Amino acid sequence: MDVPTRSSRARRNDAARGALLLALVGLAIPVAGYVAARQLDKVTIVHATAAACASAVLGIAAIVLGRRGQRNVERTLGRLGGGGTARAGRLLGVLSLCLGLIAALALAVYELLNYLG
């Protein structure tokens, strides 16, 4: 009689998947904002840059979830899987964080120049 036990069920590394998803969304937000700025009259490049700052928050969340996913793999001695997904999520999370910080810096410089000039 094949009764599935708790250890025989396939488990997923949801933290690794979440890290990859958040990182990809974090990378897609600036692109969507800049496309919207070019296509829509009511959206300016300043609005798009402000929206791109959200990439930093999503990047941090992706890095944290990616680390959690890697710990899950290490804790189960590799049986859980998803180590590569967690690593990719962390790497793309770092890129998303950098993109968001650059957008925030650009927006700050723009506002400072408007204030001074």
PDB file of N, CA and C in Angstrom:
ATOM      1  N   MET A   1       0.843  -1.164   0.000  1.00  0.00           N
ATOM      2  CA  MET A   1       0.000   0.000   0.000  1.00  0.00           C
ATOM      3  C   MET A   1       0.901   1.243   0.000  1.00  0.00           C
ATOM      4  N   ASP A   2       0.749   2.064  -1.035  1.00  0.00           N
ATOM      5  CA  ASP A   2       1.559   3.271  -1.169  1.00  0.00           C
ATOM      6  C   ASP A   2       0.801   4.459  -0.603  1.00  0.00           C
ATOM      7  N   VAL A   3       1.083   4.745   0.626  1.00  0.00           N
ATOM      8  CA  VAL A   3       0.480   5.894   1.279  1.00  0.00           C
ATOM      9  C   VAL A   3       1.520   7.000   1.306  1.00  0.00           C
ATOM     10  N   PRO A   4       1.172   8.145   0.741  1.00  0.00           N
ATOM     11  CA  PRO A   4       2.173   9.224   0.748  1.00  0.00           C
ATOM     12  C   PRO A   4       2.427   9.719   2.167  1.00  0.00           C
ATOM     13  N   THR A   5       3.667   9.767   2.501  1.00  0.00           N
ATOM     14  CA  THR A   5       4.050  10.308   3.798  1.00  0.00           C
ATOM     15  C   THR A   5       4.483  11.747   3.624  1.00  0.00           C
ATOM     16  N   ARG A   6       4.697  12.379   4.730  1.00  0.00           N
ATOM     17  CA  ARG A   6       5.080  13.780   4.669  1.00  0.00           C
ATOM     18  C   ARG A   6       6.418  13.963   3.967  1.00  0.00           C
ATOM     19  N   SER A   7       7.328  13.051   4.173  1.00  0.00           N
ATOM     20  CA  SER A   7       8.651  13.198   3.580  1.00  0.00           C
ATOM     21  C   SER A   7       8.684  12.792   2.103  1.00  0.00           C
ATOM     22  N   SER A   8       7.679  12.042   1.635  1.00  0.00           N
ATOM     23  CA  SER A   8       7.705  11.610   0.244  1.00  0.00           C
ATOM     24  C   SER A   8       7.012  12.587  -0.694  1.00  0.00           C
ATOM     25  N   ARG A   9       6.275  13.541  -0.153  1.00  0.00           N
ATOM     26  CA  ARG A   9       5.629  14.530  -1.004  1.00  0.00           C
ATOM     27  C   ARG A   9       6.654  15.482  -1.577  1.00  0.00           C
ATOM     28  N   ALA A  10       6.408  15.886  -2.807  1.00  0.00           N
ATOM     29  CA  ALA A  10       7.303  16.857  -3.438  1.00  0.00           C
ATOM     30  C   ALA A  10       7.080  18.216  -2.794  1.00  0.00           C
ATOM     31  N   ARG A  11       8.162  18.834  -2.395  1.00  0.00           N
ATOM     32  CA  ARG A  11       8.083  20.151  -1.776  1.00  0.00           C
ATOM     33  C   ARG A  11       8.701  21.175  -2.709  1.00  0.00           C
ATOM     34  N   ARG A  12       8.200  22.386  -2.614  1.00  0.00           N
ATOM     35  CA  ARG A  12       8.711  23.464  -3.455  1.00  0.00           C
ATOM     36  C   ARG A  12       9.461  24.456  -2.586  1.00  0.00           C
ATOM     37  N   ASN A  13      10.387  25.117  -3.198  1.00  0.00           N
ATOM     38  CA  ASN A  13      11.110  26.177  -2.517  1.00  0.00           C
ATOM     39  C   ASN A  13      10.435  27.498  -2.891  1.00  0.00           C
ATOM     40  N   ASP A  14       9.386  27.826  -2.151  1.00  0.00           N
ATOM     41  CA  ASP A  14       8.595  29.012  -2.471  1.00  0.00           C
ATOM     42  C   ASP A  14       9.385  30.300  -2.268  1.00  0.00           C
ATOM     43  N   ALA A  15      10.321  30.298  -1.338  1.00  0.00           N
ATOM     44  CA  ALA A  15      11.130  31.503  -1.126  1.00  0.00           C
ATOM     45  C   ALA A  15      11.983  31.801  -2.358  1.00  0.00           C
ATOM     46  N   ALA A  16      12.532  30.768  -2.960  1.00  0.00           N
ATOM     47  CA  ALA A  16      13.355  30.967  -4.165  1.00  0.00           C
ATOM     48  C   ALA A  16      12.501  31.473  -5.317  1.00  0.00           C
ATOM     49  N   ARG A  17      11.317  30.888  -5.465  1.00  0.00           N
ATOM     50  CA  ARG A  17      10.422  31.345  -6.536  1.00  0.00           C
ATOM     51  C   ARG A  17       9.969  32.774  -6.301  1.00  0.00           C
ATOM     52  N   GLY A  18       9.666  33.103  -5.064  1.00  0.00           N
ATOM     53  CA  GLY A  18       9.249  34.468  -4.735  1.00  0.00           C
ATOM     54  C   GLY A  18      10.348  35.475  -4.980  1.00  0.00           C
ATOM     55  N   ALA A  19      11.595  35.092  -4.677  1.00  0.00           N
ATOM     56  CA  ALA A  19      12.730  35.989  -4.915  1.00  0.00           C
ATOM     57  C   ALA A  19      12.874  36.293  -6.398  1.00  0.00           C
ATOM     58  N   LEU A  20      12.765  35.259  -7.204  1.00  0.00           N
ATOM     59  CA  LEU A  20      12.888  35.465  -8.649  1.00  0.00           C
ATOM     60  C   LEU A  20      11.743  36.320  -9.182  1.00  0.00           C
ATOM     61  N   LEU A  21      10.541  36.072  -8.711  1.00  0.00           N
ATOM     62  CA  LEU A  21       9.382  36.843  -9.158  1.00  0.00           C
ATOM     63  C   LEU A  21       9.505  38.312  -8.759  1.00  0.00           C
ATOM     64  N   LEU A  22       9.865  38.585  -7.505  1.00  0.00           N
ATOM     65  CA  LEU A  22      10.008  39.975  -7.058  1.00  0.00           C
ATOM     66  C   LEU A  22      11.119  40.696  -7.821  1.00  0.00           C
ATOM     67  N   ALA A  23      12.205  39.999  -8.074  1.00  0.00           N
ATOM     68  CA  ALA A  23      13.309  40.624  -8.809  1.00  0.00           C
ATOM     69  C   ALA A  23      12.900  40.959 -10.239  1.00  0.00           C
ATOM     70  N   LEU A  24      12.180  40.055 -10.875  1.00  0.00           N
ATOM     71  CA  LEU A  24      11.741  40.327 -12.248  1.00  0.00           C
ATOM     72  C   LEU A  24      10.742  41.476 -12.300  1.00  0.00           C
ATOM     73  N   VAL A  25       9.836  41.538 -11.334  1.00  0.00           N
ATOM     74  CA  VAL A  25       8.891  42.662 -11.285  1.00  0.00           C
ATOM     75  C   VAL A  25       9.653  43.959 -11.011  1.00  0.00           C
ATOM     76  N   GLY A  26      10.651  43.890 -10.120  1.00  0.00           N
ATOM     77  CA  GLY A  26      11.466  45.067  -9.843  1.00  0.00           C
ATOM     78  C   GLY A  26      12.220  45.575 -11.052  1.00  0.00           C
ATOM     79  N   LEU A  27      12.619  44.666 -11.924  1.00  0.00           N
ATOM     80  CA  LEU A  27      13.299  45.081 -13.152  1.00  0.00           C
ATOM     81  C   LEU A  27      12.322  45.545 -14.224  1.00  0.00           C
ATOM     82  N   ALA A  28      11.078  45.093 -14.151  1.00  0.00           N
ATOM     83  CA  ALA A  28      10.087  45.461 -15.169  1.00  0.00           C
ATOM     84  C   ALA A  28       9.435  46.819 -14.884  1.00  0.00           C
ATOM     85  N   ILE A  29       9.395  47.243 -13.639  1.00  0.00           N
ATOM     86  CA  ILE A  29       8.726  48.507 -13.290  1.00  0.00           C
ATOM     87  C   ILE A  29       9.353  49.707 -13.994  1.00  0.00           C
ATOM     88  N   PRO A  30      10.680  49.893 -13.970  1.00  0.00           N
ATOM     89  CA  PRO A  30      11.235  51.063 -14.674  1.00  0.00           C
ATOM     90  C   PRO A  30      10.964  51.038 -16.169  1.00  0.00           C
ATOM     91  N   VAL A  31      11.036  49.859 -16.761  1.00  0.00           N
ATOM     92  CA  VAL A  31      10.782  49.748 -18.199  1.00  0.00           C
ATOM     93  C   VAL A  31       9.341  50.155 -18.505  1.00  0.00           C
ATOM     94  N   ALA A  32       8.408  49.637 -17.702  1.00  0.00           N
ATOM     95  CA  ALA A  32       6.993  49.980 -17.906  1.00  0.00           C
ATOM     96  C   ALA A  32       6.757  51.477 -17.678  1.00  0.00           C
ATOM     97  N   GLY A  33       7.424  52.045 -16.689  1.00  0.00           N
ATOM     98  CA  GLY A  33       7.260  53.472 -16.427  1.00  0.00           C
ATOM     99  C   GLY A  33       7.770  54.339 -17.563  1.00  0.00           C
ATOM    100  N   TYR A  34       8.910  53.987 -18.095  1.00  0.00           N
ATOM    101  CA  TYR A  34       9.462  54.788 -19.185  1.00  0.00           C
ATOM    102  C   TYR A  34       8.684  54.603 -20.484  1.00  0.00           C
ATOM    103  N   VAL A  35       8.169  53.406 -20.714  1.00  0.00           N
ATOM    104  CA  VAL A  35       7.305  53.200 -21.878  1.00  0.00           C
ATOM    105  C   VAL A  35       6.026  54.012 -21.724  1.00  0.00           C
ATOM    106  N   ALA A  36       5.467  54.027 -20.508  1.00  0.00           N
ATOM    107  CA  ALA A  36       4.261  54.816 -20.257  1.00  0.00           C
ATOM    108  C   ALA A  36       4.538  56.304 -20.446  1.00  0.00           C
ATOM    109  N   ALA A  37       5.717  56.761 -20.049  1.00  0.00           N
ATOM    110  CA  ALA A  37       6.057  58.173 -20.202  1.00  0.00           C
ATOM    111  C   ALA A  37       6.159  58.562 -21.675  1.00  0.00           C
ATOM    112  N   ARG A  38       6.585  57.643 -22.498  1.00  0.00           N
ATOM    113  CA  ARG A  38       6.701  57.951 -23.922  1.00  0.00           C
ATOM    114  C   ARG A  38       5.361  57.856 -24.644  1.00  0.00           C
ATOM    115  N   GLN A  39       4.473  56.981 -24.170  1.00  0.00           N
ATOM    116  CA  GLN A  39       3.223  56.725 -24.874  1.00  0.00           C
ATOM    117  C   GLN A  39       2.047  57.558 -24.355  1.00  0.00           C
ATOM    118  N   LEU A  40       2.032  57.888 -23.073  1.00  0.00           N
ATOM    119  CA  LEU A  40       0.889  58.584 -22.470  1.00  0.00           C
ATOM    120  C   LEU A  40       1.222  60.051 -22.228  1.00  0.00           C
ATOM    121  N   ASP A  41       0.251  60.902 -22.443  1.00  0.00           N
ATOM    122  CA  ASP A  41       0.474  62.335 -22.265  1.00  0.00           C
ATOM    123  C   ASP A  41       0.507  62.745 -20.793  1.00  0.00           C
ATOM    124  N   LYS A  42      -0.222  62.048 -19.941  1.00  0.00           N
ATOM    125  CA  LYS A  42      -0.318  62.443 -18.535  1.00  0.00           C
ATOM    126  C   LYS A  42       0.845  61.954 -17.685  1.00  0.00           C
ATOM    127  N   VAL A  43       1.658  61.054 -18.207  1.00  0.00           N
ATOM    128  CA  VAL A  43       2.793  60.512 -17.457  1.00  0.00           C
ATOM    129  C   VAL A  43       4.064  61.168 -17.963  1.00  0.00           C
ATOM    130  N   THR A  44       4.788  61.802 -17.058  1.00  0.00           N
ATOM    131  CA  THR A  44       6.049  62.442 -17.434  1.00  0.00           C
ATOM    132  C   THR A  44       7.215  61.537 -17.063  1.00  0.00           C
ATOM    133  N   ILE A  45       8.383  61.930 -17.520  1.00  0.00           N
ATOM    134  CA  ILE A  45       9.578  61.156 -17.197  1.00  0.00           C
ATOM    135  C   ILE A  45       9.879  61.226 -15.701  1.00  0.00           C
ATOM    136  N   VAL A  46       9.468  62.313 -15.050  1.00  0.00           N
ATOM    137  CA  VAL A  46       9.663  62.429 -13.607  1.00  0.00           C
ATOM    138  C   VAL A  46       8.780  61.424 -12.877  1.00  0.00           C
ATOM    139  N   HIS A  47       7.542  61.247 -13.343  1.00  0.00           N
ATOM    140  CA  HIS A  47       6.667  60.232 -12.752  1.00  0.00           C
ATOM    141  C   HIS A  47       7.258  58.838 -12.933  1.00  0.00           C
ATOM    142  N   ALA A  48       7.799  58.582 -14.112  1.00  0.00           N
ATOM    143  CA  ALA A  48       8.380  57.268 -14.392  1.00  0.00           C
ATOM    144  C   ALA A  48       9.594  57.006 -13.506  1.00  0.00           C
ATOM    145  N   THR A  49      10.407  58.037 -13.290  1.00  0.00           N
ATOM    146  CA  THR A  49      11.576  57.885 -12.426  1.00  0.00           C
ATOM    147  C   THR A  49      11.162  57.658 -10.984  1.00  0.00           C
ATOM    148  N   ALA A  50      10.128  58.352 -10.540  1.00  0.00           N
ATOM    149  CA  ALA A  50       9.627  58.143  -9.180  1.00  0.00           C
ATOM    150  C   ALA A  50       9.089  56.729  -9.014  1.00  0.00           C
ATOM    151  N   ALA A  51       8.420  56.210 -10.023  1.00  0.00           N
ATOM    152  CA  ALA A  51       7.916  54.838  -9.961  1.00  0.00           C
ATOM    153  C   ALA A  51       9.066  53.836  -9.973  1.00  0.00           C
ATOM    154  N   ALA A  52      10.146  54.181 -10.646  1.00  0.00           N
ATOM    155  CA  ALA A  52      11.290  53.281 -10.709  1.00  0.00           C
ATOM    156  C   ALA A  52      11.974  53.125  -9.363  1.00  0.00           C
ATOM    157  N   CYS A  53      11.752  54.059  -8.461  1.00  0.00           N
ATOM    158  CA  CYS A  53      12.337  53.950  -7.116  1.00  0.00           C
ATOM    159  C   CYS A  53      11.776  52.751  -6.363  1.00  0.00           C
ATOM    160  N   ALA A  54      10.603  52.274  -6.747  1.00  0.00           N
ATOM    161  CA  ALA A  54      10.019  51.081  -6.117  1.00  0.00           C
ATOM    162  C   ALA A  54      10.863  49.847  -6.392  1.00  0.00           C
ATOM    163  N   SER A  55      11.694  49.894  -7.406  1.00  0.00           N
ATOM    164  CA  SER A  55      12.570  48.765  -7.710  1.00  0.00           C
ATOM    165  C   SER A  55      13.531  48.478  -6.565  1.00  0.00           C
ATOM    166  N   ALA A  56      13.919  49.499  -5.844  1.00  0.00           N
ATOM    167  CA  ALA A  56      14.828  49.303  -4.718  1.00  0.00           C
ATOM    168  C   ALA A  56      14.163  48.465  -3.628  1.00  0.00           C
ATOM    169  N   VAL A  57      12.914  48.758  -3.330  1.00  0.00           N
ATOM    170  CA  VAL A  57      12.188  48.010  -2.297  1.00  0.00           C
ATOM    171  C   VAL A  57      12.004  46.555  -2.735  1.00  0.00           C
ATOM    172  N   LEU A  58      11.623  46.349  -3.984  1.00  0.00           N
ATOM    173  CA  LEU A  58      11.446  44.991  -4.482  1.00  0.00           C
ATOM    174  C   LEU A  58      12.778  44.254  -4.547  1.00  0.00           C
ATOM    175  N   GLY A  59      13.840  44.968  -4.846  1.00  0.00           N
ATOM    176  CA  GLY A  59      15.164  44.350  -4.876  1.00  0.00           C
ATOM    177  C   GLY A  59      15.597  43.862  -3.506  1.00  0.00           C
ATOM    178  N   ILE A  60      15.348  44.672  -2.475  1.00  0.00           N
ATOM    179  CA  ILE A  60      15.684  44.258  -1.110  1.00  0.00           C
ATOM    180  C   ILE A  60      14.879  43.025  -0.718  1.00  0.00           C
ATOM    181  N   ALA A  61      13.589  43.035  -1.039  1.00  0.00           N
ATOM    182  CA  ALA A  61      12.746  41.875  -0.718  1.00  0.00           C
ATOM    183  C   ALA A  61      13.228  40.629  -1.463  1.00  0.00           C
ATOM    184  N   ALA A  62      13.658  40.777  -2.705  1.00  0.00           N
ATOM    185  CA  ALA A  62      14.153  39.637  -3.481  1.00  0.00           C
ATOM    186  C   ALA A  62      15.451  39.089  -2.890  1.00  0.00           C
ATOM    187  N   ILE A  63      16.313  39.975  -2.427  1.00  0.00           N
ATOM    188  CA  ILE A  63      17.568  39.535  -1.814  1.00  0.00           C
ATOM    189  C   ILE A  63      17.284  38.740  -0.540  1.00  0.00           C
ATOM    190  N   VAL A  64      16.366  39.239   0.278  1.00  0.00           N
ATOM    191  CA  VAL A  64      16.021  38.552   1.530  1.00  0.00           C
ATOM    192  C   VAL A  64      15.393  37.191   1.237  1.00  0.00           C
ATOM    193  N   LEU A  65      14.447  37.154   0.308  1.00  0.00           N
ATOM    194  CA  LEU A  65      13.814  35.874  -0.028  1.00  0.00           C
ATOM    195  C   LEU A  65      14.794  34.909  -0.684  1.00  0.00           C
ATOM    196  N   GLY A  66      15.698  35.421  -1.494  1.00  0.00           N
ATOM    197  CA  GLY A  66      16.708  34.568  -2.109  1.00  0.00           C
ATOM    198  C   GLY A  66      17.617  33.936  -1.076  1.00  0.00           C
ATOM    199  N   ARG A  67      17.986  34.701  -0.081  1.00  0.00           N
ATOM    200  CA  ARG A  67      18.812  34.149   1.008  1.00  0.00           C
ATOM    201  C   ARG A  67      18.033  33.092   1.781  1.00  0.00           C
ATOM    202  N   ARG A  68      16.757  33.354   2.026  1.00  0.00           N
ATOM    203  CA  ARG A  68      15.930  32.372   2.724  1.00  0.00           C
ATOM    204  C   ARG A  68      15.806  31.091   1.901  1.00  0.00           C
ATOM    205  N   GLY A  69      15.660  31.235   0.588  1.00  0.00           N
ATOM    206  CA  GLY A  69      15.582  30.070  -0.285  1.00  0.00           C
ATOM    207  C   GLY A  69      16.865  29.256  -0.271  1.00  0.00           C
ATOM    208  N   GLN A  70      18.005  29.936  -0.264  1.00  0.00           N
ATOM    209  CA  GLN A  70      19.279  29.222  -0.200  1.00  0.00           C
ATOM    210  C   GLN A  70      19.447  28.515   1.141  1.00  0.00           C
ATOM    211  N   ARG A  71      18.999  29.142   2.222  1.00  0.00           N
ATOM    212  CA  ARG A  71      19.052  28.482   3.532  1.00  0.00           C
ATOM    213  C   ARG A  71      18.162  27.251   3.568  1.00  0.00           C
ATOM    214  N   ASN A  72      16.994  27.326   2.906  1.00  0.00           N
ATOM    215  CA  ASN A  72      16.118  26.159   2.853  1.00  0.00           C
ATOM    216  C   ASN A  72      16.794  25.003   2.133  1.00  0.00           C
ATOM    217  N   VAL A  73      17.506  25.295   1.067  1.00  0.00           N
ATOM    218  CA  VAL A  73      18.221  24.250   0.331  1.00  0.00           C
ATOM    219  C   VAL A  73      19.322  23.651   1.208  1.00  0.00           C
ATOM    220  N   GLU A  74      20.064  24.507   1.891  1.00  0.00           N
ATOM    221  CA  GLU A  74      21.148  24.027   2.750  1.00  0.00           C
ATOM    222  C   GLU A  74      20.602  23.219   3.923  1.00  0.00           C
ATOM    223  N   ARG A  75      19.479  23.663   4.477  1.00  0.00           N
ATOM    224  CA  ARG A  75      18.898  22.981   5.633  1.00  0.00           C
ATOM    225  C   ARG A  75      18.401  21.577   5.281  1.00  0.00           C
ATOM    226  N   THR A  76      17.942  21.394   4.048  1.00  0.00           N
ATOM    227  CA  THR A  76      17.459  20.078   3.625  1.00  0.00           C
ATOM    228  C   THR A  76      18.539  19.283   2.906  1.00  0.00           C
ATOM    229  N   LEU A  77      19.765  19.743   2.958  1.00  0.00           N
ATOM    230  CA  LEU A  77      20.905  19.078   2.329  1.00  0.00           C
ATOM    231  C   LEU A  77      20.712  18.877   0.834  1.00  0.00           C
ATOM    232  N   GLY A  78      20.066  19.856   0.198  1.00  0.00           N
ATOM    233  CA  GLY A  78      19.899  19.837  -1.244  1.00  0.00           C
ATOM    234  C   GLY A  78      18.691  19.076  -1.739  1.00  0.00           C
ATOM    235  N   ARG A  79      17.937  18.431  -0.856  1.00  0.00           N
ATOM    236  CA  ARG A  79      16.776  17.655  -1.298  1.00  0.00           C
ATOM    237  C   ARG A  79      15.638  18.551  -1.764  1.00  0.00           C
ATOM    238  N   LEU A  80      15.548  19.748  -1.226  1.00  0.00           N
ATOM    239  CA  LEU A  80      14.454  20.644  -1.581  1.00  0.00           C
ATOM    240  C   LEU A  80      14.608  21.178  -2.996  1.00  0.00           C
ATOM    241  N   GLY A  81      15.786  21.505  -3.394  1.00  0.00           N
ATOM    242  CA  GLY A  81      16.007  22.068  -4.724  1.00  0.00           C
ATOM    243  C   GLY A  81      15.726  23.556  -4.748  1.00  0.00           C
ATOM    244  N   GLY A  82      15.962  24.157  -5.880  1.00  0.00           N
ATOM    245  CA  GLY A  82      15.717  25.583  -6.033  1.00  0.00           C
ATOM    246  C   GLY A  82      16.904  26.456  -5.691  1.00  0.00           C
ATOM    247  N   GLY A  83      18.064  25.858  -5.531  1.00  0.00           N
ATOM    248  CA  GLY A  83      19.251  26.657  -5.211  1.00  0.00           C
ATOM    249  C   GLY A  83      19.618  27.621  -6.328  1.00  0.00           C
ATOM    250  N   GLY A  84      19.516  27.155  -7.558  1.00  0.00           N
ATOM    251  CA  GLY A  84      19.815  28.022  -8.695  1.00  0.00           C
ATOM    252  C   GLY A  84      18.798  29.133  -8.844  1.00  0.00           C
ATOM    253  N   THR A  85      17.539  28.824  -8.570  1.00  0.00           N
ATOM    254  CA  THR A  85      16.486  29.844  -8.633  1.00  0.00           C
ATOM    255  C   THR A  85      16.711  30.897  -7.564  1.00  0.00           C
ATOM    256  N   ALA A  86      17.089  30.460  -6.364  1.00  0.00           N
ATOM    257  CA  ALA A  86      17.356  31.405  -5.283  1.00  0.00           C
ATOM    258  C   ALA A  86      18.548  32.291  -5.622  1.00  0.00           C
ATOM    259  N   ARG A  87      19.573  31.697  -6.203  1.00  0.00           N
ATOM    260  CA  ARG A  87      20.759  32.465  -6.585  1.00  0.00           C
ATOM    261  C   ARG A  87      20.418  33.485  -7.667  1.00  0.00           C
ATOM    262  N   ALA A  88      19.627  33.065  -8.645  1.00  0.00           N
ATOM    263  CA  ALA A  88      19.213  33.990  -9.712  1.00  0.00           C
ATOM    264  C   ALA A  88      18.342  35.104  -9.147  1.00  0.00           C
ATOM    265  N   GLY A  89      17.460  34.771  -8.211  1.00  0.00           N
ATOM    266  CA  GLY A  89      16.623  35.787  -7.574  1.00  0.00           C
ATOM    267  C   GLY A  89      17.445  36.811  -6.818  1.00  0.00           C
ATOM    268  N   ARG A  90      18.469  36.340  -6.125  1.00  0.00           N
ATOM    269  CA  ARG A  90      19.338  37.273  -5.392  1.00  0.00           C
ATOM    270  C   ARG A  90      20.121  38.165  -6.343  1.00  0.00           C
ATOM    271  N   LEU A  91      20.657  37.588  -7.413  1.00  0.00           N
ATOM    272  CA  LEU A  91      21.427  38.378  -8.374  1.00  0.00           C
ATOM    273  C   LEU A  91      20.549  39.427  -9.045  1.00  0.00           C
ATOM    274  N   LEU A  92      19.382  39.021  -9.517  1.00  0.00           N
ATOM    275  CA  LEU A  92      18.476  39.985 -10.140  1.00  0.00           C
ATOM    276  C   LEU A  92      17.943  40.979  -9.115  1.00  0.00           C
ATOM    277  N   GLY A  93      17.827  40.556  -7.862  1.00  0.00           N
ATOM    278  CA  GLY A  93      17.429  41.469  -6.798  1.00  0.00           C
ATOM    279  C   GLY A  93      18.460  42.564  -6.577  1.00  0.00           C
ATOM    280  N   VAL A  94      19.719  42.201  -6.649  1.00  0.00           N
ATOM    281  CA  VAL A  94      20.789  43.205  -6.524  1.00  0.00           C
ATOM    282  C   VAL A  94      20.731  44.192  -7.694  1.00  0.00           C
ATOM    283  N   LEU A  95      20.489  43.679  -8.894  1.00  0.00           N
ATOM    284  CA  LEU A  95      20.353  44.571 -10.056  1.00  0.00           C
ATOM    285  C   LEU A  95      19.150  45.498  -9.891  1.00  0.00           C
ATOM    286  N   SER A  96      18.044  44.959  -9.397  1.00  0.00           N
ATOM    287  CA  SER A  96      16.846  45.760  -9.178  1.00  0.00           C
ATOM    288  C   SER A  96      17.098  46.823  -8.112  1.00  0.00           C
ATOM    289  N   LEU A  97      17.801  46.449  -7.054  1.00  0.00           N
ATOM    290  CA  LEU A  97      18.139  47.415  -6.001  1.00  0.00           C
ATOM    291  C   LEU A  97      19.005  48.534  -6.557  1.00  0.00           C
ATOM    292  N   CYS A  98      20.014  48.187  -7.331  1.00  0.00           N
ATOM    293  CA  CYS A  98      20.885  49.209  -7.924  1.00  0.00           C
ATOM    294  C   CYS A  98      20.109  50.126  -8.868  1.00  0.00           C
ATOM    295  N   LEU A  99      19.228  49.552  -9.665  1.00  0.00           N
ATOM    296  CA  LEU A  99      18.421  50.346 -10.586  1.00  0.00           C
ATOM    297  C   LEU A  99      17.515  51.318  -9.824  1.00  0.00           C
ATOM    298  N   GLY A 100      16.915  50.838  -8.749  1.00  0.00           N
ATOM    299  CA  GLY A 100      16.055  51.705  -7.939  1.00  0.00           C
ATOM    300  C   GLY A 100      16.830  52.819  -7.253  1.00  0.00           C
ATOM    301  N   LEU A 101      18.021  52.495  -6.764  1.00  0.00           N
ATOM    302  CA  LEU A 101      18.838  53.523  -6.111  1.00  0.00           C
ATOM    303  C   LEU A 101      19.332  54.564  -7.109  1.00  0.00           C
ATOM    304  N   ILE A 102      19.678  54.139  -8.303  1.00  0.00           N
ATOM    305  CA  ILE A 102      20.097  55.091  -9.338  1.00  0.00           C
ATOM    306  C   ILE A 102      18.932  56.005  -9.714  1.00  0.00           C
ATOM    307  N   ALA A 103      17.737  55.433  -9.818  1.00  0.00           N
ATOM    308  CA  ALA A 103      16.554  56.248 -10.131  1.00  0.00           C
ATOM    309  C   ALA A 103      16.285  57.249  -9.016  1.00  0.00           C
ATOM    310  N   ALA A 104      16.428  56.821  -7.765  1.00  0.00           N
ATOM    311  CA  ALA A 104      16.215  57.729  -6.644  1.00  0.00           C
ATOM    312  C   ALA A 104      17.255  58.848  -6.639  1.00  0.00           C
ATOM    313  N   LEU A 105      18.489  58.505  -6.944  1.00  0.00           N
ATOM    314  CA  LEU A 105      19.547  59.513  -7.010  1.00  0.00           C
ATOM    315  C   LEU A 105      19.286  60.505  -8.141  1.00  0.00           C
ATOM    316  N   ALA A 106      18.852  60.005  -9.289  1.00  0.00           N
ATOM    317  CA  ALA A 106      18.544  60.891 -10.416  1.00  0.00           C
ATOM    318  C   ALA A 106      17.392  61.827 -10.079  1.00  0.00           C
ATOM    319  N   LEU A 107      16.395  61.305  -9.408  1.00  0.00           N
ATOM    320  CA  LEU A 107      15.255  62.136  -9.014  1.00  0.00           C
ATOM    321  C   LEU A 107      15.678  63.188  -7.992  1.00  0.00           C
ATOM    322  N   ALA A 108      16.544  62.810  -7.059  1.00  0.00           N
ATOM    323  CA  ALA A 108      17.023  63.769  -6.061  1.00  0.00           C
ATOM    324  C   ALA A 108      17.830  64.890  -6.704  1.00  0.00           C
ATOM    325  N   VAL A 109      18.683  64.555  -7.655  1.00  0.00           N
ATOM    326  CA  VAL A 109      19.480  65.573  -8.354  1.00  0.00           C
ATOM    327  C   VAL A 109      18.567  66.491  -9.154  1.00  0.00           C
ATOM    328  N   TYR A 110      17.582  65.917  -9.808  1.00  0.00           N
ATOM    329  CA  TYR A 110      16.630  66.715 -10.581  1.00  0.00           C
ATOM    330  C   TYR A 110      15.894  67.697  -9.679  1.00  0.00           C
ATOM    331  N   GLU A 111      15.416  67.216  -8.549  1.00  0.00           N
ATOM    332  CA  GLU A 111      14.689  68.105  -7.621  1.00  0.00           C
ATOM    333  C   GLU A 111      15.604  69.173  -7.035  1.00  0.00           C
ATOM    334  N   LEU A 112      16.850  68.811  -6.758  1.00  0.00           N
ATOM    335  CA  LEU A 112      17.801  69.794  -6.237  1.00  0.00           C
ATOM    336  C   LEU A 112      18.085  70.880  -7.275  1.00  0.00           C
ATOM    337  N   LEU A 113      18.244  70.482  -8.515  1.00  0.00           N
ATOM    338  CA  LEU A 113      18.481  71.464  -9.575  1.00  0.00           C
ATOM    339  C   LEU A 113      17.261  72.364  -9.776  1.00  0.00           C
ATOM    340  N   ASN A 114      16.074  71.825  -9.652  1.00  0.00           N
ATOM    341  CA  ASN A 114      14.866  72.651  -9.743  1.00  0.00           C
ATOM    342  C   ASN A 114      14.774  73.613  -8.577  1.00  0.00           C
ATOM    343  N   TYR A 115      15.162  73.171  -7.410  1.00  0.00           N
ATOM    344  CA  TYR A 115      15.115  74.014  -6.223  1.00  0.00           C
ATOM    345  C   TYR A 115      16.121  75.169  -6.314  1.00  0.00           C
ATOM    346  N   LEU A 116      17.320  74.875  -6.819  1.00  0.00           N
ATOM    347  CA  LEU A 116      18.365  75.887  -6.899  1.00  0.00           C
ATOM    348  C   LEU A 116      18.220  76.805  -8.104  1.00  0.00           C
ATOM    349  N   GLY A 117      17.586  76.310  -9.144  1.00  0.00           N
ATOM    350  CA  GLY A 117      17.582  77.092 -10.380  1.00  0.00           C
ATOM    351  C   GLY A 117      16.247  77.588 -10.711  1.00  0.00           C
TER     352      GLY A 117
END
